[in-house]
């Protein structure tokens, strides 16, 4: 169910619990700013989620409240994961849903990295 990206952070969300080690993940990268792991329901041959270590509900929340070092570290982590997965040559897609109209389902900022095959148009036509 989509969430309201303006709500206060809930430290019981699934990504907060992954960060605390309460729920396992198939980790591909971690540093002081971010954790990256395989999505449990992949939508492409490569489907990795990158989450910041800080308590941010959405991209909007993160861009408004995070310290410059957190922002730089997180963005660099996303790029490193894509490079490490060999996605740069053929291309890849980044997706960060913000709020209910965009379909955000977990109230913790997360960026999806998709790749490994042609991904088609950015949005499905209706």
PDB file of N, CA and C in Angstrom:
ATOM      1  N   UNK A   1       0.848  -1.182   0.000  1.00  0.00           N
ATOM      2  CA  UNK A   1       0.000   0.000   0.000  1.00  0.00           C
ATOM      3  C   UNK A   1       0.886   1.236   0.000  1.00  0.00           C
ATOM      4  N   UNK A   2       0.644   2.192  -0.881  1.00  0.00           N
ATOM      5  CA  UNK A   2       1.445   3.405  -0.914  1.00  0.00           C
ATOM      6  C   UNK A   2       1.371   4.164   0.408  1.00  0.00           C
ATOM      7  N   UNK A   3       2.462   4.847   0.731  1.00  0.00           N
ATOM      8  CA  UNK A   3       2.542   5.584   1.988  1.00  0.00           C
ATOM      9  C   UNK A   3       2.569   7.088   1.722  1.00  0.00           C
ATOM     10  N   UNK A   4       2.298   7.838   2.737  1.00  0.00           N
ATOM     11  CA  UNK A   4       2.358   9.298   2.669  1.00  0.00           C
ATOM     12  C   UNK A   4       3.788   9.719   3.009  1.00  0.00           C
ATOM     13  N   UNK A   5       4.495  10.256   2.033  1.00  0.00           N
ATOM     14  CA  UNK A   5       5.903  10.615   2.205  1.00  0.00           C
ATOM     15  C   UNK A   5       6.107  11.807   3.134  1.00  0.00           C
ATOM     16  N   UNK A   6       5.023  12.424   3.620  1.00  0.00           N
ATOM     17  CA  UNK A   6       5.180  13.543   4.543  1.00  0.00           C
ATOM     18  C   UNK A   6       5.038  13.091   5.995  1.00  0.00           C
ATOM     19  N   UNK A   7       4.723  11.824   6.212  1.00  0.00           N
ATOM     20  CA  UNK A   7       4.574  11.323   7.577  1.00  0.00           C
ATOM     21  C   UNK A   7       5.918  11.236   8.284  1.00  0.00           C
ATOM     22  N   UNK A   8       5.923  11.255   9.623  1.00  0.00           N
ATOM     23  CA  UNK A   8       7.172  11.077  10.361  1.00  0.00           C
ATOM     24  C   UNK A   8       7.760   9.693  10.071  1.00  0.00           C
ATOM     25  N   UNK A   9       9.071   9.574  10.239  1.00  0.00           N
ATOM     26  CA  UNK A   9       9.764   8.315   9.991  1.00  0.00           C
ATOM     27  C   UNK A   9       9.320   7.252  10.992  1.00  0.00           C
ATOM     28  N   UNK A  10       9.080   6.048  10.503  1.00  0.00           N
ATOM     29  CA  UNK A  10       8.684   4.904  11.333  1.00  0.00           C
ATOM     30  C   UNK A  10       9.858   3.933  11.378  1.00  0.00           C
ATOM     31  N   UNK A  11      10.493   3.825  12.539  1.00  0.00           N
ATOM     32  CA  UNK A  11      11.690   2.984  12.627  1.00  0.00           C
ATOM     33  C   UNK A  11      11.392   1.484  12.689  1.00  0.00           C
ATOM     34  N   UNK A  12      10.139   1.104  12.425  1.00  0.00           N
ATOM     35  CA  UNK A  12       9.804  -0.318  12.322  1.00  0.00           C
ATOM     36  C   UNK A  12       9.592  -0.741  10.868  1.00  0.00           C
ATOM     37  N   UNK A  13       9.808   0.180   9.912  1.00  0.00           N
ATOM     38  CA  UNK A  13       9.638  -0.198   8.507  1.00  0.00           C
ATOM     39  C   UNK A  13      10.678  -1.250   8.125  1.00  0.00           C
ATOM     40  N   UNK A  14      10.424  -1.973   7.051  1.00  0.00           N
ATOM     41  CA  UNK A  14      11.282  -3.109   6.679  1.00  0.00           C
ATOM     42  C   UNK A  14      12.730  -2.693   6.436  1.00  0.00           C
ATOM     43  N   UNK A  15      12.965  -1.528   5.836  1.00  0.00           N
ATOM     44  CA  UNK A  15      14.347  -1.129   5.570  1.00  0.00           C
ATOM     45  C   UNK A  15      15.062  -0.715   6.855  1.00  0.00           C
ATOM     46  N   UNK A  16      14.354  -0.094   7.780  1.00  0.00           N
ATOM     47  CA  UNK A  16      14.953   0.213   9.086  1.00  0.00           C
ATOM     48  C   UNK A  16      15.338  -1.082   9.790  1.00  0.00           C
ATOM     49  N   UNK A  17      14.494  -2.089   9.677  1.00  0.00           N
ATOM     50  CA  UNK A  17      14.769  -3.380  10.307  1.00  0.00           C
ATOM     51  C   UNK A  17      15.932  -4.099   9.628  1.00  0.00           C
ATOM     52  N   UNK A  18      16.065  -3.948   8.321  1.00  0.00           N
ATOM     53  CA  UNK A  18      17.233  -4.506   7.611  1.00  0.00           C
ATOM     54  C   UNK A  18      18.494  -3.803   8.101  1.00  0.00           C
ATOM     55  N   UNK A  19      18.455  -2.483   8.207  1.00  0.00           N
ATOM     56  CA  UNK A  19      19.620  -1.737   8.691  1.00  0.00           C
ATOM     57  C   UNK A  19      20.022  -2.157  10.105  1.00  0.00           C
ATOM     58  N   UNK A  20      19.040  -2.496  10.940  1.00  0.00           N
ATOM     59  CA  UNK A  20      19.328  -2.927  12.321  1.00  0.00           C
ATOM     60  C   UNK A  20      19.761  -4.390  12.396  1.00  0.00           C
ATOM     61  N   UNK A  21      19.733  -5.105  11.271  1.00  0.00           N
ATOM     62  CA  UNK A  21      20.118  -6.512  11.260  1.00  0.00           C
ATOM     63  C   UNK A  21      19.020  -7.451  11.712  1.00  0.00           C
ATOM     64  N   UNK A  22      17.794  -6.947  11.838  1.00  0.00           N
ATOM     65  CA  UNK A  22      16.669  -7.789  12.270  1.00  0.00           C
ATOM     66  C   UNK A  22      16.120  -8.648  11.141  1.00  0.00           C
ATOM     67  N   UNK A  23      16.319  -8.201   9.911  1.00  0.00           N
ATOM     68  CA  UNK A  23      15.861  -8.926   8.725  1.00  0.00           C
ATOM     69  C   UNK A  23      17.069  -9.074   7.800  1.00  0.00           C
ATOM     70  N   UNK A  24      17.322 -10.283   7.307  1.00  0.00           N
ATOM     71  CA  UNK A  24      18.480 -10.466   6.424  1.00  0.00           C
ATOM     72  C   UNK A  24      18.235  -9.895   5.023  1.00  0.00           C
ATOM     73  N   UNK A  25      19.323  -9.652   4.317  1.00  0.00           N
ATOM     74  CA  UNK A  25      19.249  -9.213   2.930  1.00  0.00           C
ATOM     75  C   UNK A  25      20.441  -9.797   2.175  1.00  0.00           C
ATOM     76  N   UNK A  26      20.334  -9.803   0.852  1.00  0.00           N
ATOM     77  CA  UNK A  26      21.447 -10.240   0.000  1.00  0.00           C
ATOM     78  C   UNK A  26      22.250  -8.997  -0.373  1.00  0.00           C
ATOM     79  N   UNK A  27      23.145  -8.629   0.523  1.00  0.00           N
ATOM     80  CA  UNK A  27      23.901  -7.386   0.431  1.00  0.00           C
ATOM     81  C   UNK A  27      24.892  -7.421  -0.737  1.00  0.00           C
ATOM     82  N   UNK A  28      24.983  -6.289  -1.455  1.00  0.00           N
ATOM     83  CA  UNK A  28      25.989  -6.149  -2.501  1.00  0.00           C
ATOM     84  C   UNK A  28      26.975  -5.027  -2.196  1.00  0.00           C
ATOM     85  N   UNK A  29      26.606  -4.130  -1.272  1.00  0.00           N
ATOM     86  CA  UNK A  29      27.484  -3.003  -0.954  1.00  0.00           C
ATOM     87  C   UNK A  29      27.022  -2.376   0.356  1.00  0.00           C
ATOM     88  N   UNK A  30      28.011  -1.874   1.125  1.00  0.00           N
ATOM     89  CA  UNK A  30      27.667  -1.050   2.277  1.00  0.00           C
ATOM     90  C   UNK A  30      28.837  -0.173   2.635  1.00  0.00           C
ATOM     91  N   UNK A  31      28.517   0.994   3.147  1.00  0.00           N
ATOM     92  CA  UNK A  31      29.510   1.909   3.682  1.00  0.00           C
ATOM     93  C   UNK A  31      28.822   2.738   4.770  1.00  0.00           C
ATOM     94  N   UNK A  32      29.450   3.813   5.200  1.00  0.00           N
ATOM     95  CA  UNK A  32      28.880   4.595   6.300  1.00  0.00           C
ATOM     96  C   UNK A  32      27.607   5.345   5.915  1.00  0.00           C
ATOM     97  N   UNK A  33      27.329   5.478   4.608  1.00  0.00           N
ATOM     98  CA  UNK A  33      26.179   6.244   4.154  1.00  0.00           C
ATOM     99  C   UNK A  33      25.043   5.409   3.592  1.00  0.00           C
ATOM    100  N   UNK A  34      25.349   4.207   3.100  1.00  0.00           N
ATOM    101  CA  UNK A  34      24.338   3.452   2.350  1.00  0.00           C
ATOM    102  C   UNK A  34      24.504   1.947   2.511  1.00  0.00           C
ATOM    103  N   UNK A  35      23.412   1.253   2.217  1.00  0.00           N
ATOM    104  CA  UNK A  35      23.392  -0.198   2.134  1.00  0.00           C
ATOM    105  C   UNK A  35      22.672  -0.541   0.836  1.00  0.00           C
ATOM    106  N   UNK A  36      23.239  -1.483   0.079  1.00  0.00           N
ATOM    107  CA  UNK A  36      22.614  -1.913  -1.181  1.00  0.00           C
ATOM    108  C   UNK A  36      22.438  -3.426  -1.138  1.00  0.00           C
ATOM    109  N   UNK A  37      21.281  -3.872  -1.639  1.00  0.00           N
ATOM    110  CA  UNK A  37      20.977  -5.303  -1.617  1.00  0.00           C
ATOM    111  C   UNK A  37      20.005  -5.645  -2.739  1.00  0.00           C
ATOM    112  N   UNK A  38      19.962  -6.928  -3.084  1.00  0.00           N
ATOM    113  CA  UNK A  38      19.061  -7.402  -4.132  1.00  0.00           C
ATOM    114  C   UNK A  38      17.609  -7.294  -3.678  1.00  0.00           C
ATOM    115  N   UNK A  39      16.736  -6.862  -4.587  1.00  0.00           N
ATOM    116  CA  UNK A  39      15.306  -6.810  -4.324  1.00  0.00           C
ATOM    117  C   UNK A  39      14.769  -8.243  -4.224  1.00  0.00           C
ATOM    118  N   UNK A  40      13.839  -8.486  -3.309  1.00  0.00           N
ATOM    119  CA  UNK A  40      13.302  -9.847  -3.145  1.00  0.00           C
ATOM    120  C   UNK A  40      12.302 -10.223  -4.231  1.00  0.00           C
ATOM    121  N   UNK A  41      11.835  -9.238  -4.998  1.00  0.00           N
ATOM    122  CA  UNK A  41      10.909  -9.505  -6.111  1.00  0.00           C
ATOM    123  C   UNK A  41      11.422  -8.756  -7.341  1.00  0.00           C
ATOM    124  N   UNK A  42      12.536  -9.217  -7.918  1.00  0.00           N
ATOM    125  CA  UNK A  42      13.177  -8.451  -8.998  1.00  0.00           C
ATOM    126  C   UNK A  42      12.294  -8.257 -10.216  1.00  0.00           C
ATOM    127  N   UNK A  43      12.378  -7.051 -10.773  1.00  0.00           N
ATOM    128  CA  UNK A  43      11.626  -6.679 -11.966  1.00  0.00           C
ATOM    129  C   UNK A  43      12.511  -6.640 -13.206  1.00  0.00           C
ATOM    130  N   UNK A  44      13.794  -6.961 -13.051  1.00  0.00           N
ATOM    131  CA  UNK A  44      14.762  -7.002 -14.146  1.00  0.00           C
ATOM    132  C   UNK A  44      15.865  -7.972 -13.717  1.00  0.00           C
ATOM    133  N   UNK A  45      16.710  -8.406 -14.659  1.00  0.00           N
ATOM    134  CA  UNK A  45      17.799  -9.317 -14.272  1.00  0.00           C
ATOM    135  C   UNK A  45      18.667  -8.763 -13.139  1.00  0.00           C
ATOM    136  N   UNK A  46      18.913  -7.457 -13.165  1.00  0.00           N
ATOM    137  CA  UNK A  46      19.571  -6.789 -12.037  1.00  0.00           C
ATOM    138  C   UNK A  46      18.539  -5.835 -11.444  1.00  0.00           C
ATOM    139  N   UNK A  47      18.226  -6.034 -10.170  1.00  0.00           N
ATOM    140  CA  UNK A  47      17.294  -5.144  -9.460  1.00  0.00           C
ATOM    141  C   UNK A  47      17.815  -5.034  -8.036  1.00  0.00           C
ATOM    142  N   UNK A  48      18.460  -3.923  -7.770  1.00  0.00           N
ATOM    143  CA  UNK A  48      19.100  -3.685  -6.481  1.00  0.00           C
ATOM    144  C   UNK A  48      18.486  -2.449  -5.849  1.00  0.00           C
ATOM    145  N   UNK A  49      18.299  -2.504  -4.554  1.00  0.00           N
ATOM    146  CA  UNK A  49      17.827  -1.358  -3.783  1.00  0.00           C
ATOM    147  C   UNK A  49      19.006  -0.741  -3.047  1.00  0.00           C
ATOM    148  N   UNK A  50      19.078   0.573  -3.050  1.00  0.00           N
ATOM    149  CA  UNK A  50      20.097   1.291  -2.285  1.00  0.00           C
ATOM    150  C   UNK A  50      19.343   2.183  -1.312  1.00  0.00           C
ATOM    151  N   UNK A  51      19.684   2.046  -0.026  1.00  0.00           N
ATOM    152  CA  UNK A  51      19.015   2.838   1.008  1.00  0.00           C
ATOM    153  C   UNK A  51      20.059   3.601   1.822  1.00  0.00           C
ATOM    154  N   UNK A  52      19.711   4.819   2.252  1.00  0.00           N
ATOM    155  CA  UNK A  52      20.634   5.537   3.137  1.00  0.00           C
ATOM    156  C   UNK A  52      20.554   4.953   4.547  1.00  0.00           C
ATOM    157  N   UNK A  53      21.611   5.119   5.300  1.00  0.00           N
ATOM    158  CA  UNK A  53      21.617   4.648   6.686  1.00  0.00           C
ATOM    159  C   UNK A  53      20.785   5.550   7.590  1.00  0.00           C
ATOM    160  N   UNK A  54      20.562   6.782   7.183  1.00  0.00           N
ATOM    161  CA  UNK A  54      19.777   7.716   7.986  1.00  0.00           C
ATOM    162  C   UNK A  54      18.283   7.480   7.856  1.00  0.00           C
ATOM    163  N   UNK A  55      17.544   8.050   8.790  1.00  0.00           N
ATOM    164  CA  UNK A  55      16.087   7.884   8.867  1.00  0.00           C
ATOM    165  C   UNK A  55      15.394   8.937   8.006  1.00  0.00           C
ATOM    166  N   UNK A  56      15.254   8.633   6.717  1.00  0.00           N
ATOM    167  CA  UNK A  56      14.612   9.542   5.771  1.00  0.00           C
ATOM    168  C   UNK A  56      13.445   8.835   5.112  1.00  0.00           C
ATOM    169  N   UNK A  57      12.289   9.480   5.090  1.00  0.00           N
ATOM    170  CA  UNK A  57      11.066   8.889   4.552  1.00  0.00           C
ATOM    171  C   UNK A  57      11.117   8.782   3.030  1.00  0.00           C
ATOM    172  N   UNK A  58      11.683   9.790   2.355  1.00  0.00           N
ATOM    173  CA  UNK A  58      11.620   9.855   0.893  1.00  0.00           C
ATOM    174  C   UNK A  58      12.777  10.695   0.364  1.00  0.00           C
ATOM    175  N   UNK A  59      12.857  10.754  -0.976  1.00  0.00           N
ATOM    176  CA  UNK A  59      13.870  11.601  -1.605  1.00  0.00           C
ATOM    177  C   UNK A  59      13.663  13.053  -1.184  1.00  0.00           C
ATOM    178  N   UNK A  60      12.415  13.491  -1.107  1.00  0.00           N
ATOM    179  CA  UNK A  60      12.119  14.856  -0.698  1.00  0.00           C
ATOM    180  C   UNK A  60      12.642  15.131   0.718  1.00  0.00           C
ATOM    181  N   UNK A  61      12.348  14.233   1.635  1.00  0.00           N
ATOM    182  CA  UNK A  61      12.811  14.352   3.018  1.00  0.00           C
ATOM    183  C   UNK A  61      14.343  14.373   3.072  1.00  0.00           C
ATOM    184  N   UNK A  62      14.973  13.452   2.357  1.00  0.00           N
ATOM    185  CA  UNK A  62      16.434  13.333   2.329  1.00  0.00           C
ATOM    186  C   UNK A  62      17.073  14.601   1.772  1.00  0.00           C
ATOM    187  N   UNK A  63      16.564  15.087   0.644  1.00  0.00           N
ATOM    188  CA  UNK A  63      17.173  16.263   0.015  1.00  0.00           C
ATOM    189  C   UNK A  63      16.992  17.519   0.871  1.00  0.00           C
ATOM    190  N   UNK A  64      15.958  17.544   1.706  1.00  0.00           N
ATOM    191  CA  UNK A  64      15.705  18.705   2.572  1.00  0.00           C
ATOM    192  C   UNK A  64      16.492  18.646   3.876  1.00  0.00           C
ATOM    193  N   UNK A  65      16.709  17.444   4.424  1.00  0.00           N
ATOM    194  CA  UNK A  65      17.269  17.349   5.779  1.00  0.00           C
ATOM    195  C   UNK A  65      18.664  16.742   5.897  1.00  0.00           C
ATOM    196  N   UNK A  66      19.101  15.958   4.936  1.00  0.00           N
ATOM    197  CA  UNK A  66      20.392  15.271   5.066  1.00  0.00           C
ATOM    198  C   UNK A  66      21.552  16.267   4.994  1.00  0.00           C
ATOM    199  N   UNK A  67      22.617  15.916   5.665  1.00  0.00           N
ATOM    200  CA  UNK A  67      23.843  16.715   5.611  1.00  0.00           C
ATOM    201  C   UNK A  67      24.487  16.530   4.237  1.00  0.00           C
ATOM    202  N   UNK A  68      25.231  17.526   3.774  1.00  0.00           N
ATOM    203  CA  UNK A  68      25.881  17.401   2.462  1.00  0.00           C
ATOM    204  C   UNK A  68      26.725  16.126   2.309  1.00  0.00           C
ATOM    205  N   UNK A  69      27.426  15.729   3.356  1.00  0.00           N
ATOM    206  CA  UNK A  69      28.239  14.504   3.262  1.00  0.00           C
ATOM    207  C   UNK A  69      27.368  13.267   3.071  1.00  0.00           C
ATOM    208  N   UNK A  70      26.192  13.243   3.709  1.00  0.00           N
ATOM    209  CA  UNK A  70      25.273  12.111   3.527  1.00  0.00           C
ATOM    210  C   UNK A  70      24.752  12.061   2.096  1.00  0.00           C
ATOM    211  N   UNK A  71      24.396  13.212   1.568  1.00  0.00           N
ATOM    212  CA  UNK A  71      23.873  13.268   0.202  1.00  0.00           C
ATOM    213  C   UNK A  71      24.943  12.808  -0.779  1.00  0.00           C
ATOM    214  N   UNK A  72      26.137  13.359  -0.653  1.00  0.00           N
ATOM    215  CA  UNK A  72      27.226  12.974  -1.561  1.00  0.00           C
ATOM    216  C   UNK A  72      27.553  11.493  -1.411  1.00  0.00           C
ATOM    217  N   UNK A  73      27.626  11.010  -0.184  1.00  0.00           N
ATOM    218  CA  UNK A  73      27.953   9.603   0.046  1.00  0.00           C
ATOM    219  C   UNK A  73      26.911   8.665  -0.521  1.00  0.00           C
ATOM    220  N   UNK A  74      25.643   9.024  -0.384  1.00  0.00           N
ATOM    221  CA  UNK A  74      24.565   8.179  -0.892  1.00  0.00           C
ATOM    222  C   UNK A  74      24.578   8.157  -2.420  1.00  0.00           C
ATOM    223  N   UNK A  75      24.682   9.317  -3.037  1.00  0.00           N
ATOM    224  CA  UNK A  75      24.698   9.385  -4.505  1.00  0.00           C
ATOM    225  C   UNK A  75      25.903   8.618  -5.042  1.00  0.00           C
ATOM    226  N   UNK A  76      27.057   8.761  -4.397  1.00  0.00           N
ATOM    227  CA  UNK A  76      28.242   8.006  -4.839  1.00  0.00           C
ATOM    228  C   UNK A  76      28.031   6.507  -4.683  1.00  0.00           C
ATOM    229  N   UNK A  77      27.355   6.098  -3.617  1.00  0.00           N
ATOM    230  CA  UNK A  77      27.085   4.671  -3.413  1.00  0.00           C
ATOM    231  C   UNK A  77      26.207   4.115  -4.534  1.00  0.00           C
ATOM    232  N   UNK A  78      25.184   4.861  -4.939  1.00  0.00           N
ATOM    233  CA  UNK A  78      24.320   4.418  -6.033  1.00  0.00           C
ATOM    234  C   UNK A  78      25.155   4.218  -7.299  1.00  0.00           C
ATOM    235  N   UNK A  79      25.998   5.179  -7.623  1.00  0.00           N
ATOM    236  CA  UNK A  79      26.850   5.065  -8.804  1.00  0.00           C
ATOM    237  C   UNK A  79      27.822   3.909  -8.713  1.00  0.00           C
ATOM    238  N   UNK A  80      28.425   3.699  -7.546  1.00  0.00           N
ATOM    239  CA  UNK A  80      29.377   2.595  -7.368  1.00  0.00           C
ATOM    240  C   UNK A  80      28.697   1.250  -7.559  1.00  0.00           C
ATOM    241  N   UNK A  81      27.499   1.097  -7.006  1.00  0.00           N
ATOM    242  CA  UNK A  81      26.771  -0.164  -7.164  1.00  0.00           C
ATOM    243  C   UNK A  81      26.497  -0.428  -8.642  1.00  0.00           C
ATOM    244  N   UNK A  82      26.044   0.576  -9.370  1.00  0.00           N
ATOM    245  CA  UNK A  82      25.775   0.394 -10.803  1.00  0.00           C
ATOM    246  C   UNK A  82      27.053   0.001 -11.543  1.00  0.00           C
ATOM    247  N   UNK A  83      28.164   0.666 -11.239  1.00  0.00           N
ATOM    248  CA  UNK A  83      29.434   0.311 -11.886  1.00  0.00           C
ATOM    249  C   UNK A  83      29.871  -1.095 -11.514  1.00  0.00           C
ATOM    250  N   UNK A  84      29.791  -1.420 -10.226  1.00  0.00           N
ATOM    251  CA  UNK A  84      30.215  -2.746  -9.757  1.00  0.00           C
ATOM    252  C   UNK A  84      29.373  -3.864 -10.372  1.00  0.00           C
ATOM    253  N   UNK A  85      28.126  -3.567 -10.713  1.00  0.00           N
ATOM    254  CA  UNK A  85      27.246  -4.564 -11.326  1.00  0.00           C
ATOM    255  C   UNK A  85      27.428  -4.641 -12.842  1.00  0.00           C
ATOM    256  N   UNK A  86      28.338  -3.827 -13.392  1.00  0.00           N
ATOM    257  CA  UNK A  86      28.613  -3.850 -14.822  1.00  0.00           C
ATOM    258  C   UNK A  86      27.517  -3.247 -15.671  1.00  0.00           C
ATOM    259  N   UNK A  87      26.761  -2.312 -15.119  1.00  0.00           N
ATOM    260  CA  UNK A  87      25.588  -1.774 -15.823  1.00  0.00           C
ATOM    261  C   UNK A  87      25.868  -0.535 -16.664  1.00  0.00           C
ATOM    262  N   UNK A  88      27.001   0.107 -16.471  1.00  0.00           N
ATOM    263  CA  UNK A  88      27.231   1.404 -17.100  1.00  0.00           C
ATOM    264  C   UNK A  88      27.275   1.301 -18.624  1.00  0.00           C
ATOM    265  N   UNK A  89      27.949   0.310 -19.183  1.00  0.00           N
ATOM    266  CA  UNK A  89      28.082   0.201 -20.638  1.00  0.00           C
ATOM    267  C   UNK A  89      26.764   0.064 -21.365  1.00  0.00           C
ATOM    268  N   UNK A  90      25.901  -0.824 -20.892  1.00  0.00           N
ATOM    269  CA  UNK A  90      24.615  -1.058 -21.557  1.00  0.00           C
ATOM    270  C   UNK A  90      23.520  -0.128 -21.070  1.00  0.00           C
ATOM    271  N   UNK A  91      23.716   0.492 -19.949  1.00  0.00           N
ATOM    272  CA  UNK A  91      22.730   1.408 -19.397  1.00  0.00           C
ATOM    273  C   UNK A  91      21.901   0.767 -18.297  1.00  0.00           C
ATOM    274  N   UNK A  92      21.310   1.617 -17.500  1.00  0.00           N
ATOM    275  CA  UNK A  92      20.484   1.176 -16.376  1.00  0.00           C
ATOM    276  C   UNK A  92      19.492   2.269 -16.041  1.00  0.00           C
ATOM    277  N   UNK A  93      18.542   1.934 -15.195  1.00  0.00           N
ATOM    278  CA  UNK A  93      17.520   2.886 -14.778  1.00  0.00           C
ATOM    279  C   UNK A  93      17.562   3.028 -13.262  1.00  0.00           C
ATOM    280  N   UNK A  94      17.399   4.272 -12.799  1.00  0.00           N
ATOM    281  CA  UNK A  94      17.240   4.561 -11.372  1.00  0.00           C
ATOM    282  C   UNK A  94      15.800   4.984 -11.149  1.00  0.00           C
ATOM    283  N   UNK A  95      15.220   4.537 -10.042  1.00  0.00           N
ATOM    284  CA  UNK A  95      13.845   4.905  -9.723  1.00  0.00           C
ATOM    285  C   UNK A  95      13.733   5.147  -8.224  1.00  0.00           C
ATOM    286  N   UNK A  96      13.182   6.287  -7.857  1.00  0.00           N
ATOM    287  CA  UNK A  96      12.869   6.580  -6.456  1.00  0.00           C
ATOM    288  C   UNK A  96      11.451   7.134  -6.423  1.00  0.00           C
ATOM    289  N   UNK A  97      10.519   6.349  -5.927  1.00  0.00           N
ATOM    290  CA  UNK A  97       9.132   6.793  -5.804  1.00  0.00           C
ATOM    291  C   UNK A  97       8.993   7.675  -4.573  1.00  0.00           C
ATOM    292  N   UNK A  98       8.210   8.740  -4.697  1.00  0.00           N
ATOM    293  CA  UNK A  98       7.993   9.654  -3.573  1.00  0.00           C
ATOM    294  C   UNK A  98       6.498   9.849  -3.401  1.00  0.00           C
ATOM    295  N   UNK A  99       5.962   9.282  -2.339  1.00  0.00           N
ATOM    296  CA  UNK A  99       4.561   9.487  -2.001  1.00  0.00           C
ATOM    297  C   UNK A  99       3.587   8.535  -2.665  1.00  0.00           C
ATOM    298  N   UNK A 100       2.342   8.624  -2.255  1.00  0.00           N
ATOM    299  CA  UNK A 100       1.320   7.673  -2.700  1.00  0.00           C
ATOM    300  C   UNK A 100       1.011   7.718  -4.196  1.00  0.00           C
ATOM    301  N   UNK A 101       0.998   8.881  -4.805  1.00  0.00           N
ATOM    302  CA  UNK A 101       0.678   8.949  -6.231  1.00  0.00           C
ATOM    303  C   UNK A 101       1.749   8.276  -7.084  1.00  0.00           C
ATOM    304  N   UNK A 102       2.973   8.220  -6.564  1.00  0.00           N
ATOM    305  CA  UNK A 102       4.075   7.581  -7.287  1.00  0.00           C
ATOM    306  C   UNK A 102       4.207   6.102  -6.934  1.00  0.00           C
ATOM    307  N   UNK A 103       3.470   5.645  -5.934  1.00  0.00           N
ATOM    308  CA  UNK A 103       3.511   4.229  -5.562  1.00  0.00           C
ATOM    309  C   UNK A 103       4.569   3.871  -4.532  1.00  0.00           C
ATOM    310  N   UNK A 104       5.048   4.838  -3.748  1.00  0.00           N
ATOM    311  CA  UNK A 104       6.027   4.510  -2.706  1.00  0.00           C
ATOM    312  C   UNK A 104       5.375   3.578  -1.692  1.00  0.00           C
ATOM    313  N   UNK A 105       5.999   2.438  -1.443  1.00  0.00           N
ATOM    314  CA  UNK A 105       5.421   1.424  -0.555  1.00  0.00           C
ATOM    315  C   UNK A 105       6.108   1.304   0.795  1.00  0.00           C
ATOM    316  N   UNK A 106       7.360   1.751   0.894  1.00  0.00           N
ATOM    317  CA  UNK A 106       8.092   1.685   2.163  1.00  0.00           C
ATOM    318  C   UNK A 106       8.526   3.094   2.521  1.00  0.00           C
ATOM    319  N   UNK A 107       8.244   3.499   3.749  1.00  0.00           N
ATOM    320  CA  UNK A 107       8.526   4.860   4.202  1.00  0.00           C
ATOM    321  C   UNK A 107       9.982   5.026   4.632  1.00  0.00           C
ATOM    322  N   UNK A 108      10.883   4.605   3.768  1.00  0.00           N
ATOM    323  CA  UNK A 108      12.324   4.841   3.939  1.00  0.00           C
ATOM    324  C   UNK A 108      12.847   5.070   2.527  1.00  0.00           C
ATOM    325  N   UNK A 109      13.576   6.171   2.318  1.00  0.00           N
ATOM    326  CA  UNK A 109      14.114   6.446   0.992  1.00  0.00           C
ATOM    327  C   UNK A 109      14.809   5.207   0.453  1.00  0.00           C
ATOM    328  N   UNK A 110      14.499   4.857  -0.769  1.00  0.00           N
ATOM    329  CA  UNK A 110      15.203   3.773  -1.452  1.00  0.00           C
ATOM    330  C   UNK A 110      15.225   4.059  -2.940  1.00  0.00           C
ATOM    331  N   UNK A 111      16.355   3.761  -3.542  1.00  0.00           N
ATOM    332  CA  UNK A 111      16.529   3.920  -4.976  1.00  0.00           C
ATOM    333  C   UNK A 111      16.640   2.527  -5.569  1.00  0.00           C
ATOM    334  N   UNK A 112      15.830   2.262  -6.575  1.00  0.00           N
ATOM    335  CA  UNK A 112      15.911   1.008  -7.317  1.00  0.00           C
ATOM    336  C   UNK A 112      16.920   1.202  -8.442  1.00  0.00           C
ATOM    337  N   UNK A 113      17.797   0.228  -8.639  1.00  0.00           N
ATOM    338  CA  UNK A 113      18.679   0.180  -9.806  1.00  0.00           C
ATOM    339  C   UNK A 113      18.222  -1.010 -10.631  1.00  0.00           C
ATOM    340  N   UNK A 114      17.806  -0.753 -11.868  1.00  0.00           N
ATOM    341  CA  UNK A 114      17.349  -1.805 -12.778  1.00  0.00           C
ATOM    342  C   UNK A 114      18.330  -1.903 -13.943  1.00  0.00           C
ATOM    343  N   UNK A 115      18.622  -3.110 -14.389  1.00  0.00           N
ATOM    344  CA  UNK A 115      19.473  -3.279 -15.562  1.00  0.00           C
ATOM    345  C   UNK A 115      19.532  -4.735 -15.981  1.00  0.00           C
ATOM    346  N   UNK A 116      20.399  -4.983 -16.944  1.00  0.00           N
ATOM    347  CA  UNK A 116      20.598  -6.351 -17.402  1.00  0.00           C
ATOM    348  C   UNK A 116      19.778  -6.738 -18.613  1.00  0.00           C
ATOM    349  N   UNK A 117      18.914  -5.842 -19.089  1.00  0.00           N
ATOM    350  CA  UNK A 117      18.126  -6.061 -20.309  1.00  0.00           C
ATOM    351  C   UNK A 117      17.558  -4.714 -20.728  1.00  0.00           C
ATOM    352  N   UNK A 118      17.101  -4.591 -21.993  1.00  0.00           N
ATOM    353  CA  UNK A 118      16.424  -3.353 -22.384  1.00  0.00           C
ATOM    354  C   UNK A 118      15.188  -3.155 -21.514  1.00  0.00           C
ATOM    355  N   UNK A 119      15.007  -1.958 -21.019  1.00  0.00           N
ATOM    356  CA  UNK A 119      13.943  -1.690 -20.045  1.00  0.00           C
ATOM    357  C   UNK A 119      12.698  -1.050 -20.635  1.00  0.00           C
ATOM    358  N   UNK A 120      12.724  -0.718 -21.915  1.00  0.00           N
ATOM    359  CA  UNK A 120      11.536  -0.145 -22.536  1.00  0.00           C
ATOM    360  C   UNK A 120      11.315   1.301 -22.154  1.00  0.00           C
ATOM    361  N   UNK A 121      10.118   1.818 -22.470  1.00  0.00           N
ATOM    362  CA  UNK A 121       9.834   3.226 -22.189  1.00  0.00           C
ATOM    363  C   UNK A 121       9.812   3.502 -20.685  1.00  0.00           C
ATOM    364  N   UNK A 122      10.058   4.753 -20.359  1.00  0.00           N
ATOM    365  CA  UNK A 122      10.131   5.145 -18.954  1.00  0.00           C
ATOM    366  C   UNK A 122       8.817   4.883 -18.228  1.00  0.00           C
ATOM    367  N   UNK A 123       7.697   5.237 -18.852  1.00  0.00           N
ATOM    368  CA  UNK A 123       6.381   4.996 -18.250  1.00  0.00           C
ATOM    369  C   UNK A 123       5.515   4.250 -19.244  1.00  0.00           C
ATOM    370  N   UNK A 124       4.721   3.360 -18.734  1.00  0.00           N
ATOM    371  CA  UNK A 124       3.784   2.645 -19.609  1.00  0.00           C
ATOM    372  C   UNK A 124       2.706   3.614 -20.095  1.00  0.00           C
ATOM    373  N   UNK A 125       2.341   3.513 -21.363  1.00  0.00           N
ATOM    374  CA  UNK A 125       1.264   4.375 -21.853  1.00  0.00           C
ATOM    375  C   UNK A 125      -0.079   3.807 -21.443  1.00  0.00           C
ATOM    376  N   UNK A 126      -1.010   4.684 -21.299  1.00  0.00           N
ATOM    377  CA  UNK A 126      -2.355   4.252 -20.903  1.00  0.00           C
ATOM    378  C   UNK A 126      -3.334   4.666 -21.928  1.00  0.00           C
TER     379      UNK A 126
END
